[in-house]
Amino acid sequence: MRILIVHNRYQQPGGEDAVVKAEFNLLKSFGQQVRLYERTNSEIDGHSYLRKIHAFWNMDWSTQSYHDIRKVLKEFAPHVVHFHNIFFILTPSVYQACRDEGVGIVQSLHNFRLLCSNALFFRNHHICEECLEHKNLWRGVYYGCYRNSRLMTGLVVRMLKAHWDKRTWLDQVDLYIAATEFSRRKHIAAGIPPERIVVKPHVDVDGLLRENSDQGYALFAGRLSPEKGVEVLLKAWKKRSLLPLKILGDGPAAIELKRQSQGHPEIEFLGFVSQDCYAQYLRGAKFLIVPSLCYENFPRVVLESYSYGVPVLASSLGGFPEIVIDQETGMLFCPGDVDDLLSKIEWLLSHEDQRLVMQQNIHKLYATTFSARKNYEILMDIYHQAITHQKLSAP
């Protein structure tokens, strides 16, 4: 099968980029003909002010992207196109290019962009579902949910609403992929038919189970921004430091978080590190903590931790209850609850035998649910379904 993977990279690298790379390599490893087409939002950095305004105003439709994708389709002649992110350089015009060439369309749902202008259901440090509950994306403009700007939020909402009204999200995508059932339910609530959304977890292509060296520290790895809940970790460690805490990553909240941790040498900020260093920190962790205050779908760091048999402590939001099996592969705690987090850490530290049992459970789960073979079979079935749907719905 010829498969075209298309991704609009953000200005800052993230988990979506890793998913794209992993699935591309997965398909190649099983002998499929696959091509990757990428654009990046950083392309507009060098634009003049007027060109930037023009780009944002036309984020609902890019004639250039339409023609670029159609050219690639004619050259490669794929059976199916798998989109990951299409915002904001590609735009939904790329769907029409596929429709005009009679190619099946699959769209991964990495976040909640179709349902929420900031894609997170997160506002003022709390979960917010007002736009979904009221079926009115314009509420986000009042709050300035996208980049704290009413103007920018208005442009994003204008684009999203236009394509809801045109039924783009309903009629032009043959099949959606959600990483968790939680994400699937949210998109169904917004109006996407249940039969058009398939749940497929992420994949670790090499599928290797690695040894955990347990060097006695807790680990956080991710973007340092308010919704990730790192401040909750700092409050917990300042209240009762039970073991060293290593924090990997960077982001807009980094300076403030480092300021808050001053005077606590057991908290170490390591910033961005190389892939090899990242692997070594994962290997040495006693457990990973993911204290997110927003809905998460399926952070790849959980899967990567599992590959080392490292248990995960996660807030009980979003898709976490599906991927972190409480008391079996890790523990769940109440979001933002410092005392609950500390009690779970204390329990793990005082029940080393149970932590080792968790490692065994993780190995079993990793070898079955997250294996490359199983993920590949699900992905290929999705592609076949999309191709069939496209043929049946073609005029």
Protein backbone atom coordinates (compact mmCIF):
# COMPACT_ATOMS: atom_id res chain seq x y z
CA MET A 1 0.00 0.00 0.00
CA ARG A 2 1.20 3.54 -0.76
CA ILE A 3 0.66 5.79 2.26
CA LEU A 4 1.28 9.52 2.44
CA ILE A 5 1.79 10.91 5.95
CA VAL A 6 1.26 14.67 6.27
CA HIS A 7 2.17 16.79 9.29
CA ASN A 8 2.24 20.51 10.05
CA ARG A 9 4.94 20.89 12.70
CA TYR A 10 4.54 23.43 15.49
CA GLN A 11 7.19 26.03 16.23
CA GLN A 12 8.29 24.06 19.30
CA PRO A 13 8.98 20.30 18.95
CA GLY A 14 6.52 18.10 20.81
CA GLY A 15 4.97 14.70 21.26
CA GLU A 16 3.04 14.85 17.98
CA ASP A 17 6.30 15.02 16.05
CA ALA A 18 7.50 11.87 17.83
CA VAL A 19 4.25 10.05 17.00
CA VAL A 20 4.60 10.98 13.31
CA LYS A 21 8.17 9.69 13.21
CA ALA A 22 7.26 6.49 15.06
CA GLU A 23 4.33 5.62 12.78
CA PHE A 24 6.34 6.46 9.67
CA ASN A 25 9.13 4.11 10.79
CA LEU A 26 6.58 1.48 11.80
CA LEU A 27 5.05 1.37 8.33
CA LYS A 28 8.47 1.25 6.67
CA SER A 29 9.58 -1.59 8.93
CA PHE A 30 6.65 -3.67 7.74
CA GLY A 31 7.47 -3.03 4.09
CA GLN A 32 4.85 -0.45 3.18
CA GLN A 33 5.54 2.30 0.62
CA VAL A 34 5.31 5.43 2.75
CA ARG A 35 6.22 9.05 2.16
CA LEU A 36 6.32 11.89 4.69
CA TYR A 37 5.32 15.45 3.76
CA GLU A 38 5.92 18.09 6.45
CA ARG A 39 5.50 21.84 6.81
CA THR A 40 6.20 23.98 9.86
CA ASN A 41 4.56 27.01 11.43
CA SER A 42 7.99 28.59 11.74
CA GLU A 43 7.77 29.29 8.00
CA ILE A 44 5.93 32.51 8.75
CA ASP A 45 8.65 33.83 11.08
CA GLY A 46 10.43 35.58 8.23
CA HIS A 47 7.25 37.03 6.75
CA SER A 48 6.51 40.73 6.79
CA TYR A 49 3.82 41.97 9.15
CA LEU A 50 1.31 42.20 6.31
CA ARG A 51 2.09 38.68 5.08
CA LYS A 52 1.62 37.34 8.61
CA ILE A 53 -1.77 39.04 8.85
CA HIS A 54 -2.68 37.57 5.47
CA ALA A 55 -1.60 34.07 6.59
CA PHE A 56 -3.64 34.24 9.80
CA TRP A 57 -6.68 35.64 8.03
CA ASN A 58 -6.55 32.78 5.52
CA MET A 59 -5.88 29.98 7.99
CA ASP A 60 -9.20 28.41 6.95
CA TRP A 61 -8.02 27.85 3.37
CA SER A 62 -4.60 27.94 1.73
CA THR A 63 -4.63 27.83 -2.06
CA GLN A 64 -0.87 27.24 -2.01
CA SER A 65 -1.18 24.21 0.30
CA TYR A 66 -4.03 22.87 -1.81
CA HIS A 67 -1.87 22.93 -4.94
CA ASP A 68 1.24 21.65 -3.13
CA ILE A 69 -0.57 18.63 -1.72
CA ARG A 70 -2.32 17.92 -4.99
CA LYS A 71 1.06 17.90 -6.75
CA VAL A 72 2.42 15.38 -4.24
CA LEU A 73 -0.71 13.24 -4.69
CA LYS A 74 -0.24 13.15 -8.45
CA GLU A 75 3.44 12.23 -8.11
CA PHE A 76 3.12 9.58 -5.38
CA ALA A 77 -0.43 8.34 -6.08
CA PRO A 78 -1.11 7.15 -2.52
CA HIS A 79 -4.03 4.90 -1.63
CA VAL A 80 -4.58 6.85 1.57
CA VAL A 81 -3.36 10.07 3.21
CA HIS A 82 -2.83 10.13 6.96
CA PHE A 83 -2.92 13.65 8.40
CA HIS A 84 -1.61 14.43 11.86
CA ASN A 85 -1.66 18.22 12.32
CA ILE A 86 -2.91 20.56 9.56
CA PHE A 87 -2.84 23.87 11.48
CA PHE A 88 -1.96 26.52 10.51
CA ILE A 89 0.12 26.36 7.32
CA LEU A 90 -1.57 23.42 5.60
CA THR A 91 -5.20 24.33 6.49
CA PRO A 92 -8.28 22.18 5.70
CA SER A 93 -7.74 22.92 1.99
CA VAL A 94 -5.55 19.81 1.91
CA TYR A 95 -8.63 17.65 2.47
CA GLN A 96 -10.19 19.03 -0.69
CA ALA A 97 -7.02 18.21 -2.61
CA CYS A 98 -7.40 14.59 -1.51
CA ARG A 99 -11.08 14.58 -2.40
CA ASP A 100 -10.31 15.95 -5.86
CA GLU A 101 -7.80 13.13 -6.39
CA GLY A 102 -10.12 10.47 -4.97
CA VAL A 103 -7.82 9.52 -2.08
CA GLY A 104 -8.95 8.26 1.34
CA ILE A 105 -8.35 10.56 4.32
CA VAL A 106 -7.37 9.61 7.88
CA GLN A 107 -6.97 12.30 10.55
CA SER A 108 -5.29 11.72 13.92
CA LEU A 109 -6.80 13.59 16.89
CA HIS A 110 -3.76 14.48 18.97
CA ASN A 111 -5.59 17.19 20.89
CA PHE A 112 -8.98 18.92 21.05
CA ARG A 113 -8.38 21.62 18.43
CA LEU A 114 -11.66 20.95 16.60
CA LEU A 115 -13.58 21.49 19.84
CA CYS A 116 -11.59 24.17 21.65
CA SER A 117 -9.67 27.17 20.35
CA ASN A 118 -6.62 26.44 22.53
CA ALA A 119 -6.97 22.68 21.94
CA LEU A 120 -6.65 21.88 25.65
CA PHE A 121 -10.03 22.50 27.34
CA PHE A 122 -7.95 24.54 29.78
CA ARG A 123 -8.45 28.12 30.99
CA ASN A 124 -7.19 30.05 34.03
CA HIS A 125 -5.46 26.93 35.37
CA HIS A 126 -8.67 24.89 35.29
CA ILE A 127 -10.52 22.53 32.98
CA CYS A 128 -13.03 24.43 30.83
CA GLU A 129 -15.57 22.82 28.50
CA GLU A 130 -17.88 25.79 27.96
CA CYS A 131 -17.53 25.79 24.17
CA LEU A 132 -18.34 22.08 23.96
CA GLU A 133 -21.19 22.22 26.45
CA HIS A 134 -22.84 25.19 24.73
CA LYS A 135 -21.82 24.16 21.20
CA ASN A 136 -20.46 27.68 20.79
CA LEU A 137 -16.77 28.20 20.01
CA TRP A 138 -17.18 31.96 20.11
CA ARG A 139 -17.21 31.85 23.93
CA GLY A 140 -13.45 31.32 23.70
CA VAL A 141 -13.05 34.73 22.08
CA TYR A 142 -14.46 36.44 25.17
CA TYR A 143 -11.79 34.74 27.29
CA GLY A 144 -8.98 35.08 24.73
CA CYS A 145 -8.28 31.37 25.03
CA TYR A 146 -5.74 31.17 22.20
CA ARG A 147 -2.47 32.81 23.27
CA ASN A 148 -4.41 35.12 25.62
CA SER A 149 -5.50 37.16 22.60
CA ARG A 150 -9.09 37.83 21.63
CA LEU A 151 -7.97 38.75 18.13
CA MET A 152 -5.99 35.53 17.60
CA THR A 153 -8.72 33.47 19.24
CA GLY A 154 -11.27 35.09 16.94
CA LEU A 155 -9.26 34.08 13.87
CA VAL A 156 -8.94 30.48 15.09
CA VAL A 157 -12.64 30.27 15.97
CA ARG A 158 -13.59 31.82 12.63
CA MET A 159 -11.69 29.02 10.86
CA LEU A 160 -13.04 26.20 13.04
CA LYS A 161 -16.63 27.44 12.90
CA ALA A 162 -16.51 27.92 9.11
CA HIS A 163 -15.54 24.29 8.63
CA TRP A 164 -18.10 23.01 11.13
CA ASP A 165 -20.73 24.96 9.15
CA LYS A 166 -19.41 23.53 5.86
CA ARG A 167 -19.38 20.03 7.44
CA THR A 168 -15.69 19.68 6.56
CA TRP A 169 -14.95 17.73 9.74
CA LEU A 170 -17.93 15.46 9.07
CA ASP A 171 -17.88 14.95 5.31
CA GLN A 172 -14.27 15.21 4.19
CA VAL A 173 -12.49 12.98 6.71
CA ASP A 174 -13.11 9.27 6.17
CA LEU A 175 -11.81 8.09 9.54
CA TYR A 176 -10.39 9.66 12.68
CA ILE A 177 -7.84 8.13 15.06
CA ALA A 178 -8.07 8.88 18.78
CA ALA A 179 -5.36 7.69 21.16
CA THR A 180 -7.87 7.02 23.98
CA GLU A 181 -11.55 6.31 24.44
CA PHE A 182 -11.77 9.54 26.45
CA SER A 183 -10.78 11.58 23.41
CA ARG A 184 -13.15 9.59 21.24
CA ARG A 185 -16.09 10.37 23.55
CA LYS A 186 -15.35 14.11 23.52
CA HIS A 187 -15.35 14.25 19.73
CA ILE A 188 -18.53 12.18 19.54
CA ALA A 189 -20.16 14.69 21.92
CA ALA A 190 -19.23 17.42 19.44
CA GLY A 191 -21.06 15.64 16.64
CA ILE A 192 -18.61 13.34 14.90
CA PRO A 193 -20.30 9.94 14.27
CA PRO A 194 -19.04 7.19 16.61
CA GLU A 195 -18.31 4.81 13.74
CA ARG A 196 -15.91 7.33 12.24
CA ILE A 197 -13.50 7.42 15.22
CA VAL A 198 -11.20 4.48 15.98
CA VAL A 199 -9.04 4.20 19.12
CA LYS A 200 -5.41 3.30 18.50
CA PRO A 201 -2.69 3.75 21.15
CA HIS A 202 0.75 5.09 20.32
CA VAL A 203 3.60 2.77 19.41
CA ASP A 204 7.23 2.32 20.33
CA VAL A 205 8.64 0.95 17.09
CA ASP A 206 11.57 -1.10 18.41
CA GLY A 207 9.32 -2.73 21.03
CA LEU A 208 12.26 -3.44 23.33
CA LEU A 209 11.81 -3.95 27.04
CA ARG A 210 14.73 -2.33 28.81
CA GLU A 211 16.07 -2.72 32.32
CA ASN A 212 15.25 -0.16 34.99
CA SER A 213 18.34 0.73 37.04
CA ASP A 214 16.36 2.63 39.75
CA GLN A 215 18.74 5.33 40.92
CA GLY A 216 16.25 6.58 43.48
CA TYR A 217 14.76 9.72 41.95
CA ALA A 218 11.37 10.79 40.65
CA LEU A 219 11.22 12.13 37.11
CA PHE A 220 9.12 14.64 35.19
CA ALA A 221 9.65 15.01 31.43
CA GLY A 222 7.64 17.43 29.34
CA ARG A 223 6.79 21.01 28.46
CA LEU A 224 7.11 23.51 31.28
CA SER A 225 3.77 25.27 30.92
CA PRO A 226 0.90 25.84 33.38
CA GLU A 227 -1.34 23.01 32.13
CA LYS A 228 1.38 20.41 32.76
CA GLY A 229 1.12 20.85 36.53
CA VAL A 230 4.82 21.16 37.37
CA GLU A 231 3.92 23.74 40.00
CA VAL A 232 2.03 20.96 41.82
CA LEU A 233 5.27 18.98 42.00
CA LEU A 234 7.17 21.93 43.43
CA LYS A 235 4.52 22.49 46.12
CA ALA A 236 4.66 18.81 47.04
CA TRP A 237 8.46 18.76 47.28
CA LYS A 238 8.56 21.97 49.28
CA LYS A 239 6.03 20.49 51.71
CA ARG A 240 7.81 17.15 52.08
CA SER A 241 10.82 16.09 50.06
CA LEU A 242 10.81 12.29 49.97
CA LEU A 243 13.40 11.74 47.22
CA PRO A 244 15.24 13.77 44.56
CA LEU A 245 13.16 15.19 41.70
CA LYS A 246 14.59 15.63 38.22
CA ILE A 247 12.71 17.82 35.74
CA LEU A 248 13.44 17.46 32.02
CA GLY A 249 12.15 19.93 29.44
CA ASP A 250 11.66 23.62 28.89
CA GLY A 251 8.82 26.01 28.17
CA PRO A 252 7.23 29.39 28.93
CA ALA A 253 6.94 28.73 32.67
CA ALA A 254 10.56 27.61 33.14
CA ILE A 255 11.92 30.83 34.67
CA GLU A 256 9.10 31.14 37.20
CA LEU A 257 9.26 27.45 38.15
CA LYS A 258 13.01 27.65 38.72
CA ARG A 259 12.47 30.72 40.89
CA GLN A 260 9.92 28.82 42.99
CA SER A 261 12.35 25.94 43.50
CA GLN A 262 15.19 28.09 44.85
CA GLY A 263 16.48 26.83 48.17
CA HIS A 264 15.48 23.25 47.42
CA PRO A 265 18.59 21.46 46.05
CA GLU A 266 16.69 18.17 45.77
CA ILE A 267 14.76 19.69 42.83
CA GLU A 268 16.89 19.73 39.69
CA PHE A 269 15.94 21.38 36.38
CA LEU A 270 17.84 19.80 33.50
CA GLY A 271 16.24 21.52 30.50
CA PHE A 272 16.29 19.88 27.08
CA VAL A 273 18.68 16.94 26.89
CA SER A 274 19.89 14.69 24.09
CA GLN A 275 17.94 11.55 23.25
CA ASP A 276 20.65 9.39 24.80
CA CYS A 277 20.59 11.40 28.04
CA TYR A 278 16.81 11.28 28.07
CA ALA A 279 16.92 7.49 27.80
CA GLN A 280 19.40 7.31 30.68
CA TYR A 281 17.21 9.47 32.93
CA LEU A 282 14.20 7.27 32.14
CA ARG A 283 16.22 4.14 32.88
CA GLY A 284 17.30 5.48 36.27
CA ALA A 285 13.93 6.73 37.49
CA LYS A 286 12.13 5.05 40.36
CA PHE A 287 8.89 6.35 38.89
CA LEU A 288 7.63 8.98 36.46
CA ILE A 289 5.18 11.69 37.57
CA VAL A 290 2.74 13.27 35.09
CA PRO A 291 0.80 15.87 37.15
CA SER A 292 -1.17 17.42 34.28
CA LEU A 293 -3.99 19.82 35.11
CA CYS A 294 -5.45 19.56 31.61
CA TYR A 295 -6.95 16.65 29.70
CA GLU A 296 -4.17 14.57 28.21
CA ASN A 297 -4.76 12.04 25.46
CA PHE A 298 -1.76 9.74 25.55
CA PRO A 299 1.57 11.43 26.35
CA ARG A 300 4.37 9.44 24.71
CA VAL A 301 6.47 9.80 27.85
CA VAL A 302 4.16 7.24 29.52
CA LEU A 303 4.85 4.70 26.78
CA GLU A 304 8.57 5.46 26.89
CA SER A 305 8.60 4.97 30.67
CA TYR A 306 6.80 1.67 30.27
CA SER A 307 9.56 0.48 27.95
CA TYR A 308 11.88 0.70 30.98
CA GLY A 309 9.39 -0.86 33.36
CA VAL A 310 9.03 2.48 35.18
CA PRO A 311 5.70 2.93 37.03
CA VAL A 312 3.78 6.15 36.37
CA LEU A 313 2.05 8.46 38.86
CA ALA A 314 -0.50 10.49 36.91
CA SER A 315 -3.37 12.82 37.62
CA SER A 316 -6.71 11.13 37.06
CA LEU A 317 -7.67 13.36 34.12
CA GLY A 318 -8.40 12.69 30.47
CA GLY A 319 -7.04 9.45 29.09
CA PHE A 320 -4.76 8.62 32.02
CA PRO A 321 -7.14 6.11 33.69
CA GLU A 322 -7.01 4.12 30.44
CA ILE A 323 -3.22 3.97 30.11
CA VAL A 324 -2.13 4.07 33.76
CA ILE A 325 -3.87 1.15 35.44
CA ASP A 326 -4.22 2.18 39.07
CA GLN A 327 -2.30 -0.08 41.48
CA GLU A 328 -1.10 -2.22 38.54
CA THR A 329 1.14 -0.14 36.26
CA GLY A 330 1.24 2.96 38.41
CA MET A 331 -1.04 5.12 40.54
CA LEU A 332 -3.56 7.88 39.92
CA PHE A 333 -3.96 10.94 42.14
CA CYS A 334 -6.45 13.79 42.30
CA PRO A 335 -5.38 16.59 39.93
CA GLY A 336 -3.64 19.43 41.75
CA ASP A 337 -3.96 17.68 45.14
CA VAL A 338 -0.52 17.93 46.74
CA ASP A 339 -1.44 15.76 49.75
CA ASP A 340 -2.88 12.99 47.58
CA LEU A 341 0.24 13.03 45.42
CA LEU A 342 2.49 12.83 48.48
CA SER A 343 0.49 9.94 49.92
CA LYS A 344 0.89 7.97 46.66
CA ILE A 345 4.62 8.66 46.61
CA GLU A 346 4.95 7.53 50.23
CA TRP A 347 3.02 4.35 49.46
CA LEU A 348 5.29 3.48 46.55
CA LEU A 349 8.43 4.16 48.58
CA SER A 350 7.21 1.96 51.44
CA HIS A 351 6.00 -0.89 49.19
CA GLU A 352 9.02 -1.75 47.09
CA ASP A 353 7.72 -5.27 46.52
CA GLN A 354 4.55 -3.87 44.95
CA ARG A 355 6.55 -1.50 42.78
CA LEU A 356 8.44 -4.50 41.42
CA VAL A 357 5.12 -6.24 40.72
CA MET A 358 4.07 -3.11 38.82
CA GLN A 359 7.18 -3.47 36.68
CA GLN A 360 6.15 -7.02 35.77
CA ASN A 361 2.64 -5.83 34.92
CA ILE A 362 4.11 -3.05 32.77
CA HIS A 363 6.22 -5.55 30.83
CA LYS A 364 3.15 -7.67 30.10
CA LEU A 365 1.08 -4.67 29.01
CA TYR A 366 3.89 -3.28 26.89
CA ALA A 367 4.47 -6.58 25.10
CA THR A 368 0.80 -6.94 24.17
CA THR A 369 -1.20 -3.72 23.95
CA PHE A 370 1.69 -1.53 22.78
CA SER A 371 3.56 -3.97 20.55
CA ALA A 372 4.62 -2.86 17.07
CA ARG A 373 2.83 -5.77 15.41
CA LYS A 374 -0.51 -5.03 17.08
CA ASN A 375 -0.23 -1.30 16.36
CA TYR A 376 0.62 -1.97 12.73
CA GLU A 377 -2.39 -4.27 12.30
CA ILE A 378 -4.75 -1.67 13.79
CA LEU A 379 -3.27 1.08 11.60
CA MET A 380 -3.58 -0.94 8.40
CA ASP A 381 -7.17 -1.84 9.23
CA ILE A 382 -7.91 1.88 9.69
CA TYR A 383 -6.40 2.64 6.28
CA HIS A 384 -8.47 -0.06 4.60
CA GLN A 385 -11.63 1.28 6.27
CA ALA A 386 -10.83 4.82 5.11
CA ILE A 387 -10.26 3.70 1.53
CA THR A 388 -13.55 1.80 1.53
CA HIS A 389 -15.44 4.77 3.00
CA GLN A 390 -13.95 7.11 0.41
CA LYS A 391 -15.06 4.87 -2.45
CA LEU A 392 -18.57 4.51 -1.05
CA SER A 393 -18.97 8.26 -0.47
CA ALA A 394 -17.47 9.37 -3.80
CA PRO A 395 -19.97 11.12 -6.09
